[in-house]
N, C-alpha and C. Protein backbone atom coordinates (compact mmCIF):
# COMPACT_ATOMS: atom_id res chain seq x y z
N MET A 1 0.73 -0.96 0.00
CA MET A 1 -0.34 -0.09 -0.23
C MET A 1 0.85 1.04 0.05
N ALA A 2 0.49 2.30 -0.98
CA ALA A 2 1.44 3.34 -1.09
C ALA A 2 1.46 4.14 0.64
N LYS A 3 2.02 5.03 0.78
CA LYS A 3 2.17 5.77 1.72
C LYS A 3 2.35 7.14 1.61
N LEU A 4 1.88 7.62 2.24
CA LEU A 4 1.90 9.52 2.43
C LEU A 4 2.61 9.66 4.07
N TYR A 5 3.98 10.67 3.43
CA TYR A 5 4.58 10.89 4.62
C TYR A 5 4.67 12.37 4.82
N GLY A 6 4.07 13.20 5.64
CA GLY A 6 4.18 14.50 6.23
C GLY A 6 5.49 14.78 6.81
N ILE A 7 6.62 15.57 5.88
CA ILE A 7 8.22 15.93 6.53
C ILE A 7 8.38 17.12 6.87
N GLY A 8 8.57 17.88 8.00
CA GLY A 8 9.01 18.65 8.47
C GLY A 8 10.83 19.00 7.94
N VAL A 9 11.01 20.26 7.35
CA VAL A 9 12.48 19.86 6.68
C VAL A 9 13.14 21.27 7.55
N GLY A 10 12.94 21.59 8.51
CA GLY A 10 13.19 22.52 9.12
C GLY A 10 13.09 24.00 9.37
N PRO A 11 13.89 24.98 9.67
CA PRO A 11 13.29 26.34 9.50
C PRO A 11 14.22 26.74 8.34
N GLY A 12 15.17 26.75 8.02
CA GLY A 12 15.63 26.98 6.49
C GLY A 12 17.14 26.33 6.06
N GLU A 13 17.81 26.33 7.39
CA GLU A 13 19.30 25.84 6.42
C GLU A 13 19.07 24.12 6.22
N GLU A 14 19.90 23.94 5.05
CA GLU A 14 20.03 22.35 4.73
C GLU A 14 19.90 21.53 5.58
N SER A 15 21.02 21.90 6.67
CA SER A 15 21.59 21.03 7.43
C SER A 15 20.94 21.03 8.79
N LEU A 16 20.00 21.39 8.81
CA LEU A 16 18.80 21.13 9.88
C LEU A 16 18.09 19.90 9.59
N ILE A 17 17.42 19.67 8.55
CA ILE A 17 16.84 18.11 8.30
C ILE A 17 17.44 17.71 9.08
N THR A 18 16.51 16.43 9.16
CA THR A 18 16.95 15.42 10.07
C THR A 18 17.10 14.46 9.02
N LEU A 19 18.24 13.41 9.04
CA LEU A 19 18.41 12.34 8.85
C LEU A 19 17.49 11.08 8.37
N LYS A 20 16.43 10.84 8.95
CA LYS A 20 15.30 10.24 8.58
C LYS A 20 14.34 11.31 7.57
N ALA A 21 14.28 12.20 7.40
CA ALA A 21 13.39 13.31 6.83
C ALA A 21 14.33 12.95 5.20
N VAL A 22 15.78 13.09 4.87
CA VAL A 22 16.75 12.82 4.13
C VAL A 22 16.22 11.32 3.22
N LYS A 23 16.94 10.50 4.34
CA LYS A 23 16.14 9.32 3.52
C LYS A 23 15.18 9.32 3.14
N ILE A 24 13.82 9.66 3.64
CA ILE A 24 12.35 9.54 3.22
C ILE A 24 12.43 10.03 1.43
N LEU A 25 12.84 11.53 1.74
CA LEU A 25 12.67 12.05 0.06
C LEU A 25 13.62 11.58 -0.99
N GLN A 26 14.92 10.57 -0.54
CA GLN A 26 15.49 10.22 -1.74
C GLN A 26 14.91 8.75 -2.43
N LYS A 27 13.55 8.43 -1.22
CA LYS A 27 13.30 6.94 -1.67
C LYS A 27 11.67 7.25 -2.37
N VAL A 28 10.81 8.20 -1.95
CA VAL A 28 9.95 8.17 -2.48
C VAL A 28 9.73 8.74 -3.79
N ASP A 29 8.22 8.74 -4.50
CA ASP A 29 8.05 8.28 -6.10
C ASP A 29 7.98 10.14 -6.27
N VAL A 30 6.95 10.81 -5.14
CA VAL A 30 6.70 12.31 -5.64
C VAL A 30 6.95 13.15 -4.13
N VAL A 31 7.14 14.33 -4.12
CA VAL A 31 7.31 14.84 -3.41
C VAL A 31 6.49 16.04 -3.81
N ILE A 32 5.38 16.46 -2.32
CA ILE A 32 4.76 17.81 -2.88
C ILE A 32 5.13 19.05 -2.49
N ALA A 33 5.10 19.70 -3.05
CA ALA A 33 5.86 21.45 -2.50
C ALA A 33 4.74 22.50 -2.12
N PRO A 34 4.48 22.88 -1.21
CA PRO A 34 3.15 23.79 -0.82
C PRO A 34 3.92 25.17 -1.56
N THR A 35 2.87 25.68 -2.30
CA THR A 35 3.33 27.19 -3.16
C THR A 35 2.13 28.09 -2.56
N SER A 36 2.66 29.66 -2.63
CA SER A 36 1.40 30.44 -2.39
C SER A 36 1.37 31.26 -3.74
N LYS A 37 0.44 31.55 -4.23
CA LYS A 37 0.08 32.34 -5.13
C LYS A 37 1.37 33.16 -5.76
N GLY A 38 1.94 33.24 -7.22
CA GLY A 38 3.14 33.81 -7.45
C GLY A 38 4.03 33.78 -6.77
N GLU A 39 4.35 32.91 -5.66
CA GLU A 39 5.44 32.52 -5.30
C GLU A 39 6.18 31.21 -5.32
N GLY A 40 7.48 31.01 -4.73
CA GLY A 40 8.03 29.42 -4.96
C GLY A 40 7.52 29.02 -3.87
N SER A 41 8.31 28.08 -3.37
CA SER A 41 8.22 26.80 -2.22
C SER A 41 9.75 27.03 -1.16
N ILE A 42 9.71 27.58 -0.45
CA ILE A 42 10.35 27.75 0.58
C ILE A 42 10.68 26.19 1.17
N ALA A 43 10.30 25.47 1.42
CA ALA A 43 10.19 24.00 1.61
C ALA A 43 10.98 23.17 0.66
N TYR A 44 10.49 23.61 -0.49
CA TYR A 44 10.90 22.82 -1.69
C TYR A 44 12.79 23.82 -1.96
N GLU A 45 13.07 24.41 -1.49
CA GLU A 45 14.37 25.06 -1.55
C GLU A 45 15.46 24.88 -0.74
N ILE A 46 14.80 24.03 0.47
CA ILE A 46 15.58 23.44 1.95
C ILE A 46 15.71 22.35 1.31
N ALA A 47 14.44 21.27 0.70
CA ALA A 47 14.74 20.02 0.71
C ALA A 47 15.64 19.55 -0.82
N LYS A 48 15.19 20.76 -1.55
CA LYS A 48 15.55 20.40 -2.95
C LYS A 48 17.23 19.45 -3.15
N PRO A 49 18.71 19.60 -2.09
CA PRO A 49 19.62 18.67 -2.24
C PRO A 49 19.13 17.12 -2.25
N TYR A 50 18.59 16.60 -1.55
CA TYR A 50 18.18 15.41 -1.05
C TYR A 50 16.52 14.89 -1.89
N ILE A 51 16.02 15.30 -2.66
CA ILE A 51 15.35 14.71 -3.36
C ILE A 51 15.28 14.04 -4.92
N LYS A 52 14.80 12.91 -4.66
CA LYS A 52 15.51 11.90 -6.30
C LYS A 52 13.73 11.90 -7.22
N GLY A 53 13.00 11.72 -6.81
CA GLY A 53 11.71 11.43 -7.17
C GLY A 53 10.78 13.07 -7.88
N ASP A 54 10.02 12.84 -8.50
CA ASP A 54 9.33 14.18 -8.98
C ASP A 54 8.90 15.01 -7.87
N VAL A 55 8.64 16.00 -8.26
CA VAL A 55 8.23 18.04 -7.75
C VAL A 55 6.84 18.04 -8.04
N ILE A 56 5.97 18.20 -7.48
CA ILE A 56 4.49 18.45 -7.87
C ILE A 56 4.62 19.74 -6.58
N PHE A 57 4.10 21.55 -7.73
CA PHE A 57 4.07 22.07 -6.66
C PHE A 57 2.91 22.22 -6.78
N MET A 58 2.27 22.71 -5.60
CA MET A 58 0.65 22.53 -4.83
C MET A 58 -0.11 23.78 -4.43
N GLU A 59 -0.31 24.49 -4.79
CA GLU A 59 -0.92 25.86 -4.68
C GLU A 59 -1.62 26.16 -3.34
N PHE A 60 -1.36 26.43 -2.54
CA PHE A 60 -2.40 26.44 -1.49
C PHE A 60 -2.89 28.64 -0.84
N PRO A 61 -3.54 29.01 -1.13
CA PRO A 61 -3.96 30.34 -1.68
C PRO A 61 -3.65 30.88 0.20
N MET A 62 -2.88 32.24 0.22
CA MET A 62 -3.01 32.78 1.24
C MET A 62 -4.12 33.89 1.31
N THR A 63 -5.04 33.62 2.29
CA THR A 63 -6.60 34.05 2.09
C THR A 63 -7.35 33.78 3.35
N TYR A 64 -8.20 34.78 3.76
CA TYR A 64 -8.72 34.74 4.18
C TYR A 64 -10.67 34.27 4.30
N SER A 65 -10.38 33.70 3.17
CA SER A 65 -11.90 33.30 2.94
C SER A 65 -11.79 31.58 2.94
N LYS A 66 -12.99 31.47 3.83
CA LYS A 66 -12.96 30.26 4.22
C LYS A 66 -13.59 28.98 2.94
N GLU A 67 -14.30 29.65 2.54
CA GLU A 67 -14.67 28.89 1.22
C GLU A 67 -13.86 28.85 0.20
N ASP A 68 -13.30 29.53 -0.04
CA ASP A 68 -11.79 29.64 -1.17
C ASP A 68 -11.13 28.47 -0.60
N LEU A 69 -10.53 28.87 1.06
CA LEU A 69 -9.67 27.95 1.14
C LEU A 69 -10.16 26.03 1.12
N LYS A 70 -11.59 25.89 1.80
CA LYS A 70 -11.89 24.88 1.72
C LYS A 70 -12.06 24.15 0.29
N THR A 71 -12.18 24.73 -0.86
CA THR A 71 -12.38 24.46 -1.94
C THR A 71 -11.42 24.17 -2.99
N LYS A 72 -10.08 24.75 -2.34
CA LYS A 72 -8.60 24.33 -2.87
C LYS A 72 -8.15 23.10 -2.03
N TRP A 73 -8.21 23.13 -0.58
CA TRP A 73 -8.02 22.45 0.24
C TRP A 73 -8.39 20.67 -0.02
N GLU A 74 -9.85 20.72 -0.67
CA GLU A 74 -10.07 19.56 -0.98
C GLU A 74 -9.71 19.07 -2.30
N GLU A 75 -9.28 20.01 -3.21
CA GLU A 75 -9.00 20.04 -4.72
C GLU A 75 -7.60 19.25 -4.30
N ASN A 76 -6.58 19.60 -3.41
CA ASN A 76 -5.45 19.21 -3.37
C ASN A 76 -5.47 17.51 -2.72
N VAL A 77 -6.11 17.54 -1.31
CA VAL A 77 -6.14 16.16 -1.22
C VAL A 77 -6.46 15.53 -2.03
N LYS A 78 -7.32 15.39 -3.07
CA LYS A 78 -7.74 14.71 -4.01
C LYS A 78 -6.65 13.99 -4.82
N LYS A 79 -5.98 15.39 -5.17
CA LYS A 79 -4.94 15.14 -6.14
C LYS A 79 -3.97 14.15 -5.38
N ILE A 80 -3.50 14.08 -4.31
CA ILE A 80 -2.78 13.18 -3.52
C ILE A 80 -3.37 12.16 -2.92
N LYS A 81 -4.60 11.84 -3.04
CA LYS A 81 -5.13 10.89 -2.76
C LYS A 81 -5.36 9.86 -4.22
N GLU A 82 -4.85 10.63 -5.76
CA GLU A 82 -4.82 9.84 -6.69
C GLU A 82 -3.49 9.40 -7.07
N LEU A 83 -2.59 10.03 -6.39
CA LEU A 83 -1.28 9.59 -6.07
C LEU A 83 -1.40 8.36 -5.52
N LEU A 84 -1.67 8.32 -4.56
CA LEU A 84 -1.65 6.82 -3.65
C LEU A 84 -2.47 6.32 -4.13
N ASP A 85 -3.34 6.05 -4.93
CA ASP A 85 -4.30 5.43 -5.52
C ASP A 85 -3.38 4.28 -6.94
N GLU A 86 -2.24 5.37 -6.94
CA GLU A 86 -1.65 4.34 -8.22
C GLU A 86 -0.81 4.22 -7.50
N GLY A 87 -0.45 3.68 -6.33
CA GLY A 87 0.60 3.22 -5.77
C GLY A 87 2.28 3.72 -5.41
N LYS A 88 2.04 5.37 -5.23
CA LYS A 88 3.32 5.85 -5.92
C LYS A 88 3.10 6.41 -4.11
N ASP A 89 4.04 6.58 -3.34
CA ASP A 89 4.84 6.49 -2.29
C ASP A 89 4.98 8.47 -2.42
N VAL A 90 4.53 9.28 -1.33
CA VAL A 90 4.66 10.78 -1.18
C VAL A 90 4.87 11.34 0.08
N ALA A 91 5.18 12.36 -0.30
CA ALA A 91 6.24 13.33 0.99
C ALA A 91 5.51 14.41 0.70
N PHE A 92 4.67 15.02 1.73
CA PHE A 92 4.18 16.34 1.27
C PHE A 92 5.86 17.44 2.60
N ILE A 93 6.18 18.04 1.99
CA ILE A 93 7.26 19.12 2.17
C ILE A 93 6.61 20.09 3.15
N THR A 94 7.06 20.55 4.61
CA THR A 94 6.70 22.00 5.31
C THR A 94 7.93 22.21 6.02
N ILE A 95 7.84 23.80 5.97
CA ILE A 95 8.72 24.33 6.89
C ILE A 95 8.62 24.16 8.49
N GLY A 96 9.92 24.17 8.71
CA GLY A 96 9.38 23.84 10.66
C GLY A 96 9.30 22.36 10.97
N ASP A 97 8.13 22.32 12.02
CA ASP A 97 7.58 21.13 12.13
C ASP A 97 6.23 20.93 11.48
N PRO A 98 5.83 19.49 11.12
CA PRO A 98 4.92 19.10 10.50
C PRO A 98 3.47 19.73 11.14
N MET A 99 3.52 19.64 12.84
CA MET A 99 2.40 19.79 13.13
C MET A 99 2.01 20.84 14.47
N ILE A 100 3.06 21.98 13.87
CA ILE A 100 3.00 23.50 14.45
C ILE A 100 2.49 23.98 13.10
N TYR A 101 1.72 25.08 13.25
CA TYR A 101 1.12 26.16 11.99
C TYR A 101 1.29 25.62 11.03
N SER A 102 1.24 24.85 10.35
CA SER A 102 1.64 23.91 8.56
C SER A 102 0.23 23.70 7.89
N THR A 103 0.75 23.73 6.58
CA THR A 103 -0.32 23.25 5.38
C THR A 103 -1.09 22.12 6.08
N TYR A 104 0.50 21.09 6.47
CA TYR A 104 0.03 19.60 6.11
C TYR A 104 -1.00 18.99 7.23
N ILE A 105 -1.30 19.66 8.41
CA ILE A 105 -2.61 19.77 9.24
C ILE A 105 -3.47 19.59 8.21
N TYR A 106 -4.25 20.49 7.19
CA TYR A 106 -5.20 20.65 6.39
C TYR A 106 -5.09 18.92 6.00
N ILE A 107 -4.01 19.19 5.46
CA ILE A 107 -3.92 17.55 4.38
C ILE A 107 -4.19 16.39 5.35
N LEU A 108 -3.48 16.16 6.72
CA LEU A 108 -3.86 15.09 7.57
C LEU A 108 -5.28 14.91 7.72
N LYS A 109 -5.97 15.79 7.93
CA LYS A 109 -7.35 15.75 8.28
C LYS A 109 -8.21 15.41 6.82
N GLY A 110 -7.58 15.92 5.63
CA GLY A 110 -8.18 15.08 5.01
C GLY A 110 -8.39 13.65 3.97
N ILE A 111 -7.14 13.32 4.69
CA ILE A 111 -6.37 11.81 4.59
C ILE A 111 -7.07 10.86 5.17
N GLU A 112 -7.76 9.94 5.03
CA GLU A 112 -8.59 9.12 5.27
C GLU A 112 -8.31 7.36 4.59
N ASP A 113 -8.12 6.58 5.91
CA ASP A 113 -7.76 5.15 4.80
C ASP A 113 -6.52 5.01 3.99
N TYR A 114 -5.53 5.83 4.70
CA TYR A 114 -4.01 5.78 3.96
C TYR A 114 -3.51 5.58 5.03
N GLU A 115 -2.37 4.71 4.88
CA GLU A 115 -0.80 4.69 5.70
C GLU A 115 -0.35 6.48 5.79
N VAL A 116 -0.46 6.73 6.94
CA VAL A 116 0.56 7.96 6.74
C VAL A 116 1.96 7.89 7.90
N GLU A 117 2.62 8.61 7.69
CA GLU A 117 3.60 8.89 8.76
C GLU A 117 4.20 10.04 8.49
N THR A 118 4.45 10.65 10.08
CA THR A 118 5.25 12.12 10.08
C THR A 118 6.13 11.89 10.32
N ILE A 119 7.05 12.95 9.99
CA ILE A 119 8.47 13.00 10.33
C ILE A 119 8.61 14.26 10.88
N PRO A 120 8.93 14.52 12.35
CA PRO A 120 9.14 15.50 12.91
C PRO A 120 10.14 16.70 12.27
N GLY A 121 10.15 17.65 12.74
CA GLY A 121 11.11 18.75 12.24
C GLY A 121 11.43 19.84 13.05
N ILE A 122 12.63 20.79 12.90
CA ILE A 122 12.86 21.71 14.19
C ILE A 122 12.42 22.51 13.65
N THR A 123 11.24 23.30 15.18
CA THR A 123 10.99 24.35 15.06
C THR A 123 11.54 25.65 14.54
N SER A 124 11.16 26.92 13.83
CA SER A 124 11.60 28.42 13.54
C SER A 124 12.08 28.87 15.21
N TYR A 125 11.09 28.58 16.22
CA TYR A 125 11.46 29.14 17.66
C TYR A 125 12.75 28.28 18.45
N SER A 126 12.29 26.99 17.88
CA SER A 126 13.57 26.22 18.99
C SER A 126 15.17 26.92 17.95
N ALA A 127 14.84 26.71 16.45
CA ALA A 127 16.25 27.12 15.92
C ALA A 127 16.74 28.81 16.34
N ALA A 128 15.76 29.43 16.50
CA ALA A 128 15.98 30.75 16.69
C ALA A 128 16.74 31.08 18.41
N ALA A 129 16.03 30.44 19.31
CA ALA A 129 16.73 30.12 20.90
C ALA A 129 17.93 30.02 20.57
N SER A 130 18.60 28.93 20.14
CA SER A 130 19.92 28.60 19.73
C SER A 130 20.83 29.52 18.68
N ARG A 131 20.38 30.36 17.72
CA ARG A 131 20.96 31.19 17.62
C ARG A 131 21.20 32.20 18.14
N LEU A 132 20.02 32.61 19.48
CA LEU A 132 20.19 33.72 20.46
C LEU A 132 21.06 33.09 21.57
N ASN A 133 21.42 31.61 21.42
CA ASN A 133 21.86 31.64 22.69
C ASN A 133 21.19 31.50 23.98
N ILE A 134 19.71 31.58 24.02
CA ILE A 134 19.01 32.30 24.75
C ILE A 134 18.12 30.92 25.25
N PRO A 135 17.40 30.55 26.27
CA PRO A 135 16.94 29.42 26.69
C PRO A 135 15.42 29.73 26.01
N ILE A 136 14.53 28.84 25.84
CA ILE A 136 12.99 29.15 25.91
C ILE A 136 12.47 29.64 27.19
N ALA A 137 13.14 28.46 27.97
CA ALA A 137 12.92 28.07 29.32
C ALA A 137 13.57 27.33 29.98
N GLU A 138 13.45 27.66 31.83
CA GLU A 138 14.88 26.89 32.52
C GLU A 138 13.86 26.73 33.97
N GLY A 139 14.94 25.75 34.22
CA GLY A 139 13.91 25.53 35.74
C GLY A 139 12.46 24.96 35.66
N ASN A 140 11.97 25.95 36.79
CA ASN A 140 10.52 25.57 36.47
C ASN A 140 9.78 26.92 35.66
N GLU A 141 10.20 27.53 34.97
CA GLU A 141 9.78 28.49 34.25
C GLU A 141 8.34 28.02 33.44
N THR A 142 7.55 28.37 33.21
CA THR A 142 6.21 28.01 31.89
C THR A 142 6.95 28.93 31.05
N PHE A 143 6.29 28.28 29.86
CA PHE A 143 6.21 28.76 28.24
C PHE A 143 5.55 28.44 27.85
N ALA A 144 4.75 29.52 26.54
CA ALA A 144 4.13 29.27 26.20
C ALA A 144 4.38 29.23 23.94
N VAL A 145 3.84 29.10 23.12
CA VAL A 145 3.98 28.93 21.69
C VAL A 145 2.50 29.63 21.29
N ILE A 146 2.46 30.82 20.69
CA ILE A 146 0.89 31.47 20.45
C ILE A 146 0.86 31.90 19.21
N SER A 147 -0.14 32.30 18.17
CA SER A 147 -0.01 32.59 16.73
C SER A 147 -0.71 34.23 17.42
N SER A 148 -0.04 35.15 16.39
CA SER A 148 -0.65 36.74 17.07
C SER A 148 -1.04 36.85 16.22
N GLY A 149 -2.49 35.94 16.24
CA GLY A 149 -3.31 37.13 15.74
C GLY A 149 -4.21 37.71 16.38
N ASP A 150 -4.60 37.67 17.42
CA ASP A 150 -5.40 38.51 18.68
C ASP A 150 -4.69 38.71 19.87
N VAL A 151 -4.52 40.26 19.67
CA VAL A 151 -3.81 40.99 20.65
C VAL A 151 -4.18 40.26 22.43
N THR A 152 -5.86 40.42 22.12
CA THR A 152 -6.36 40.27 23.52
C THR A 152 -5.34 38.73 24.25
N GLU A 153 -5.34 37.70 23.14
CA GLU A 153 -4.87 36.00 23.78
C GLU A 153 -3.78 36.57 23.84
N ILE A 154 -2.71 37.22 23.09
CA ILE A 154 -1.20 37.48 23.21
C ILE A 154 -1.26 38.55 24.79
N SER A 155 -2.16 39.13 25.36
CA SER A 155 -2.02 39.50 26.26
C SER A 155 -2.25 38.52 27.79
N LYS A 156 -3.23 38.06 27.45
CA LYS A 156 -3.38 36.89 28.85
C LYS A 156 -2.28 36.18 28.80
N ALA A 157 -1.46 35.32 27.28
CA ALA A 157 -0.35 34.99 27.32
C ALA A 157 0.97 35.09 28.15
N LEU A 158 1.12 36.92 27.75
CA LEU A 158 1.61 37.53 28.72
C LEU A 158 1.60 37.77 30.42
N ASP A 159 0.32 37.41 30.90
CA ASP A 159 -0.42 37.46 32.02
C ASP A 159 0.50 35.88 32.95
N MET A 160 0.17 34.98 31.86
CA MET A 160 0.20 33.99 32.47
C MET A 160 1.48 33.36 32.27
N PHE A 161 2.41 33.29 31.59
CA PHE A 161 3.45 32.68 31.25
C PHE A 161 5.06 33.70 31.32
N ASP A 162 6.19 33.18 31.83
CA ASP A 162 7.68 33.54 31.76
C ASP A 162 8.10 33.72 30.57
N ASN A 163 7.67 33.02 29.93
CA ASN A 163 8.73 32.87 28.28
C ASN A 163 7.30 32.89 27.35
N VAL A 164 7.13 33.90 26.38
CA VAL A 164 6.05 33.09 25.41
C VAL A 164 6.95 33.47 24.10
N VAL A 165 6.64 32.59 23.49
CA VAL A 165 7.36 32.23 21.78
C VAL A 165 6.05 33.19 20.89
N LEU A 166 6.07 34.19 20.51
CA LEU A 166 5.10 34.46 19.26
C LEU A 166 4.62 34.53 18.03
N MET A 167 4.12 33.38 17.43
CA MET A 167 4.38 33.45 16.30
C MET A 167 3.48 34.32 14.91
N LYS A 168 4.16 34.35 13.82
CA LYS A 168 2.81 35.22 12.81
C LYS A 168 2.59 36.68 13.26
N ILE A 169 3.44 37.51 13.43
CA ILE A 169 4.24 38.56 14.10
C ILE A 169 3.82 39.71 13.16
N SER A 170 3.94 39.53 11.82
CA SER A 170 3.96 40.53 11.13
C SER A 170 2.52 41.42 11.10
N ARG A 171 1.60 41.21 11.23
CA ARG A 171 0.21 41.76 11.10
C ARG A 171 -0.29 42.95 12.01
N ARG A 172 0.72 42.34 13.29
CA ARG A 172 1.01 42.65 14.80
C ARG A 172 1.79 43.39 15.38
N TYR A 173 2.84 43.74 14.51
CA TYR A 173 4.00 43.87 15.30
C TYR A 173 4.20 44.93 16.28
N ASP A 174 3.60 46.52 15.32
CA ASP A 174 3.57 47.42 16.71
C ASP A 174 2.85 47.27 17.84
N GLU A 175 2.08 46.85 17.66
CA GLU A 175 1.13 46.73 18.62
C GLU A 175 1.98 45.71 19.80
N ILE A 176 2.49 44.53 19.44
CA ILE A 176 3.01 43.68 20.30
C ILE A 176 4.27 44.35 21.08
N VAL A 177 5.13 45.09 20.12
CA VAL A 177 5.82 45.75 20.97
C VAL A 177 5.68 46.43 21.76
N ASN A 178 4.30 47.10 21.74
CA ASN A 178 3.72 48.29 22.72
C ASN A 178 3.16 47.34 23.98
N LEU A 179 2.64 46.28 23.93
CA LEU A 179 2.52 45.56 25.23
C LEU A 179 3.39 44.51 25.09
N LEU A 180 4.10 44.22 25.09
CA LEU A 180 5.48 43.81 25.51
C LEU A 180 6.01 44.73 26.48
N LYS A 181 6.45 45.96 26.22
CA LYS A 181 6.68 47.28 26.93
C LYS A 181 5.66 47.26 28.51
N GLU A 182 4.52 47.11 28.10
CA GLU A 182 3.18 47.56 29.18
C GLU A 182 3.35 46.22 30.14
N LYS A 183 3.72 45.16 29.76
CA LYS A 183 4.09 43.92 30.42
C LYS A 183 5.65 43.53 31.05
N SER A 184 6.35 44.44 30.96
CA SER A 184 7.49 44.32 31.32
C SER A 184 8.24 42.49 31.15
N PHE A 185 8.16 42.68 29.53
CA PHE A 185 9.03 41.43 28.65
C PHE A 185 9.53 41.83 27.90
N LYS A 186 11.02 41.21 27.99
CA LYS A 186 12.02 41.70 26.82
C LYS A 186 12.35 40.58 25.91
N GLY A 187 11.97 41.24 25.03
CA GLY A 187 11.43 40.52 23.20
C GLY A 187 13.01 40.34 22.17
N TYR A 188 13.07 39.60 21.44
CA TYR A 188 13.70 38.74 21.05
C TYR A 188 13.74 38.77 19.48
N LEU A 189 14.03 39.92 18.27
CA LEU A 189 13.31 39.29 17.15
C LEU A 189 14.02 38.83 16.10
N VAL A 190 13.39 37.37 15.47
CA VAL A 190 14.46 36.61 14.81
C VAL A 190 13.30 36.44 13.36
N ILE A 191 13.94 37.23 12.35
CA ILE A 191 13.39 37.44 10.86
C ILE A 191 14.25 36.31 10.35
N LYS A 192 13.62 35.37 9.33
CA LYS A 192 13.80 34.16 8.48
C LYS A 192 15.11 33.54 8.83
N CYS A 193 14.92 32.64 10.08
CA CYS A 193 15.64 32.00 11.02
C CYS A 193 16.41 30.91 10.13
N GLY A 194 17.75 31.18 10.04
CA GLY A 194 18.66 29.64 9.01
C GLY A 194 18.78 30.06 7.64
N HIS A 195 17.86 31.09 7.18
CA HIS A 195 18.18 32.02 5.85
C HIS A 195 19.01 32.78 5.56
N LYS A 196 19.86 33.08 4.21
CA LYS A 196 20.59 33.93 3.96
C LYS A 196 20.49 35.07 4.26
N ASP A 197 19.29 35.48 4.36
CA ASP A 197 19.11 37.18 4.96
C ASP A 197 18.07 37.55 6.52
N GLU A 198 18.79 36.37 7.07
CA GLU A 198 18.87 36.29 8.14
C GLU A 198 18.66 37.59 9.11
N LYS A 199 17.70 37.79 9.66
CA LYS A 199 18.15 39.40 10.67
C LYS A 199 18.16 38.87 12.52
N ILE A 200 18.61 39.14 13.39
CA ILE A 200 18.24 38.98 14.61
C ILE A 200 18.26 40.16 15.34
N SER A 201 17.55 41.00 16.09
CA SER A 201 17.72 42.30 16.49
C SER A 201 17.19 42.20 18.42
N CYS A 202 17.83 42.91 19.20
CA CYS A 202 17.28 42.77 20.55
C CYS A 202 16.44 44.44 20.23
N ASP A 203 16.79 45.29 19.42
CA ASP A 203 15.80 46.41 19.47
C ASP A 203 14.52 46.54 18.45
N LEU A 204 13.86 46.07 19.43
CA LEU A 204 12.34 46.27 18.85
C LEU A 204 11.80 47.19 18.03
N ASP A 205 12.14 48.29 18.80
CA ASP A 205 11.85 49.46 18.92
C ASP A 205 11.99 49.81 16.87
N ARG A 206 13.32 49.34 16.63
CA ARG A 206 13.84 50.02 15.48
C ARG A 206 12.72 48.91 14.15
N TYR A 207 12.12 48.22 14.03
CA TYR A 207 11.69 48.15 13.30
C TYR A 207 9.43 48.37 13.59
N ILE A 208 9.46 49.17 14.43
CA ILE A 208 8.08 49.78 14.16
C ILE A 208 7.48 50.57 13.18
N GLY A 209 6.45 50.35 12.57
CA GLY A 209 6.19 51.45 11.03
C GLY A 209 6.92 50.26 10.25
N LYS A 210 7.47 49.12 10.16
CA LYS A 210 8.44 48.79 9.20
C LYS A 210 7.15 47.42 8.50
N LYS A 211 7.76 46.81 7.26
CA LYS A 211 7.00 45.72 6.96
C LYS A 211 7.71 44.53 7.51
N ILE A 212 7.24 43.83 7.70
CA ILE A 212 8.45 42.38 8.76
C ILE A 212 7.45 41.58 7.96
N ASP A 213 8.60 40.35 7.71
CA ASP A 213 8.63 39.50 6.71
C ASP A 213 7.62 38.45 7.51
N TYR A 214 6.92 37.45 6.86
CA TYR A 214 5.63 36.73 7.30
C TYR A 214 6.80 35.18 8.20
N LEU A 215 7.86 35.65 7.89
CA LEU A 215 8.64 34.09 8.62
C LEU A 215 9.36 34.72 9.61
N SER A 216 8.91 35.18 10.41
CA SER A 216 9.44 36.25 11.47
C SER A 216 9.29 35.53 13.05
N LEU A 217 9.38 36.12 14.27
CA LEU A 217 9.17 35.53 15.91
C LEU A 217 9.96 36.27 16.49
N ILE A 218 9.53 36.29 17.94
CA ILE A 218 9.58 37.15 18.90
C ILE A 218 10.22 36.03 19.94
N ILE A 219 10.67 35.85 21.35
CA ILE A 219 10.88 35.09 22.03
C ILE A 219 10.50 35.77 23.27
N ALA A 220 9.93 36.41 23.29
CA ALA A 220 9.57 37.20 24.89
C ALA A 220 9.88 36.58 26.17
N LYS A 221 10.70 36.91 27.03
CA LYS A 221 11.11 36.97 28.26
C LYS A 221 10.54 37.79 29.10
N LYS A 222 10.04 37.71 30.77
CA LYS A 222 9.67 38.77 31.68
C LYS A 222 11.02 38.95 32.13
N VAL A 223 10.56 39.80 32.21
CA VAL A 223 11.64 41.12 32.86
C VAL A 223 12.26 41.00 34.63
N LYS A 224 12.83 40.23 35.37
CA LYS A 224 12.76 39.92 36.48
C LYS A 224 13.88 40.53 37.37
């Protein structure tokens, strides 16, 4: 029976992809690389040196229309099922870890009655903490990883946890920076961790009013 693999290729550096991921990429018949309209696939650029089989670039629109998203997800799931029905082993690649804020999660929900194996990847925030040489949490400290869509939820997390990793910060950056000051948190900004144009800054004010790349995060630590 053909098998679907969900593979996390890590945050950006080719060398941070796992040995198991490389082994599977070299043996599968087809690799599916997610793209958004008019853009390439970051996951593909990371995994490219290890891919031996065919590559299909599958579009996943960046839209807030639930109807448009649902239609496209269903189309993509159907295509993947067709490949599996042809007896082809398929790898769906995604940046970071497949089980954290990834397109693969939605594919997984639509694949039933097929064999599936998920291969973990190094997360962007784990890599970012290592680049900073700053622990995300130590001793009995608490920490949370949250999406930054709702400022109210961010505020709650800052009240509850000693350390907070803020993902998807681009749309709320200025508000987040002001909130961190209000709650007495020190923030560390990492933009495109592991990529050639990576940027790291402890001066969050420097980026207020500027366009922040989607692949950006903040590690926030309570000042004690």
